[in-house]
Amino acid sequence: MTYTPRSEFLNVMQSRGYMADCTDLQSLDDALTSGTSGAVDGARTRDPRRDRPVL
């Protein structure tokens, strides 16, 4: 990739090798840096009180 993202999220995802490909990386980066955006990393957490996944 020749584009260097400005958003911390994309920088971390790239540095950890989680970015396989993206059709328009610059537009995604612009959206992430322009305001409130969310992302899901696919990881599930456990509820320690019930010892089961939190969905």
C-alpha atoms as a PDB file:
ATOM      1  CA  MET A   1       0.000   0.000   0.000  1.00  0.00           C
ATOM      2  CA  THR A   2       1.312   3.414  -0.863  1.00  0.00           C
ATOM      3  CA  TYR A   3      -1.239   5.426   1.133  1.00  0.00           C
ATOM      4  CA  THR A   4      -0.339   6.131   4.757  1.00  0.00           C
ATOM      5  CA  PRO A   5      -3.502   6.510   6.846  1.00  0.00           C
ATOM      6  CA  ARG A   6      -3.961   9.370   9.302  1.00  0.00           C
ATOM      7  CA  SER A   7      -6.401   7.586  11.611  1.00  0.00           C
ATOM      8  CA  GLU A   8      -5.031   5.699  14.579  1.00  0.00           C
ATOM      9  CA  PHE A   9      -7.436   2.823  13.922  1.00  0.00           C
ATOM     10  CA  LEU A  10      -6.153   2.148  10.393  1.00  0.00           C
ATOM     11  CA  ASN A  11      -2.539   2.558  11.475  1.00  0.00           C
ATOM     12  CA  VAL A  12      -2.997  -0.062  14.179  1.00  0.00           C
ATOM     13  CA  MET A  13      -4.892  -2.450  11.894  1.00  0.00           C
ATOM     14  CA  GLN A  14      -2.159  -2.190   9.247  1.00  0.00           C
ATOM     15  CA  SER A  15       0.696  -2.558  11.727  1.00  0.00           C
ATOM     16  CA  ARG A  16      -0.886  -5.729  13.126  1.00  0.00           C
ATOM     17  CA  GLY A  17      -1.461  -7.157   9.661  1.00  0.00           C
ATOM     18  CA  TYR A  18      -5.264  -7.114   9.834  1.00  0.00           C
ATOM     19  CA  MET A  19      -5.769  -5.173   6.583  1.00  0.00           C
ATOM     20  CA  ALA A  20      -5.883  -7.615   3.685  1.00  0.00           C
ATOM     21  CA  ASP A  21      -7.314  -5.164   1.151  1.00  0.00           C
ATOM     22  CA  CYS A  22      -9.536  -2.119   0.865  1.00  0.00           C
ATOM     23  CA  THR A  23     -11.218  -0.710  -2.228  1.00  0.00           C
ATOM     24  CA  ASP A  24     -10.828   2.938  -1.197  1.00  0.00           C
ATOM     25  CA  LEU A  25      -8.471   3.274   1.765  1.00  0.00           C
ATOM     26  CA  GLN A  26      -8.320   7.061   1.560  1.00  0.00           C
ATOM     27  CA  SER A  27     -12.119   7.438   1.771  1.00  0.00           C
ATOM     28  CA  LEU A  28     -12.245   5.039   4.711  1.00  0.00           C
ATOM     29  CA  ASP A  29      -9.485   7.000   6.416  1.00  0.00           C
ATOM     30  CA  ASP A  30     -11.315  10.283   5.740  1.00  0.00           C
ATOM     31  CA  ALA A  31     -14.493   8.860   7.293  1.00  0.00           C
ATOM     32  CA  LEU A  32     -12.605   7.662  10.361  1.00  0.00           C
ATOM     33  CA  THR A  33     -10.881  11.018  10.902  1.00  0.00           C
ATOM     34  CA  SER A  34     -13.866  13.249  10.133  1.00  0.00           C
ATOM     35  CA  GLY A  35     -15.967  12.422  13.164  1.00  0.00           C
ATOM     36  CA  THR A  36     -17.407   9.689  15.270  1.00  0.00           C
ATOM     37  CA  SER A  37     -17.048   6.309  13.626  1.00  0.00           C
ATOM     38  CA  GLY A  38     -17.203   2.811  14.935  1.00  0.00           C
ATOM     39  CA  ALA A  39     -15.648  -0.473  14.042  1.00  0.00           C
ATOM     40  CA  VAL A  40     -16.082  -4.071  15.087  1.00  0.00           C
ATOM     41  CA  ASP A  41     -12.971  -6.162  15.436  1.00  0.00           C
ATOM     42  CA  GLY A  42     -14.771  -9.487  15.520  1.00  0.00           C
ATOM     43  CA  ALA A  43     -13.556 -10.416  18.991  1.00  0.00           C
ATOM     44  CA  ARG A  44     -16.016 -11.594  21.586  1.00  0.00           C
ATOM     45  CA  THR A  45     -15.557 -10.784  25.219  1.00  0.00           C
ATOM     46  CA  ARG A  46     -16.614 -12.869  28.177  1.00  0.00           C
ATOM     47  CA  ASP A  47     -18.820 -11.782  31.030  1.00  0.00           C
ATOM     48  CA  PRO A  48     -16.746 -12.708  34.116  1.00  0.00           C
ATOM     49  CA  ARG A  49     -19.860 -12.952  36.278  1.00  0.00           C
ATOM     50  CA  ARG A  50     -21.445 -15.590  34.070  1.00  0.00           C
ATOM     51  CA  ASP A  51     -18.413 -17.045  32.300  1.00  0.00           C
ATOM     52  CA  ARG A  52     -20.094 -16.967  28.925  1.00  0.00           C
ATOM     53  CA  PRO A  53     -19.697 -14.850  25.784  1.00  0.00           C
ATOM     54  CA  VAL A  54     -21.280 -11.421  25.646  1.00  0.00           C
ATOM     55  CA  LEU A  55     -23.073 -10.957  22.337  1.00  0.00           C
END
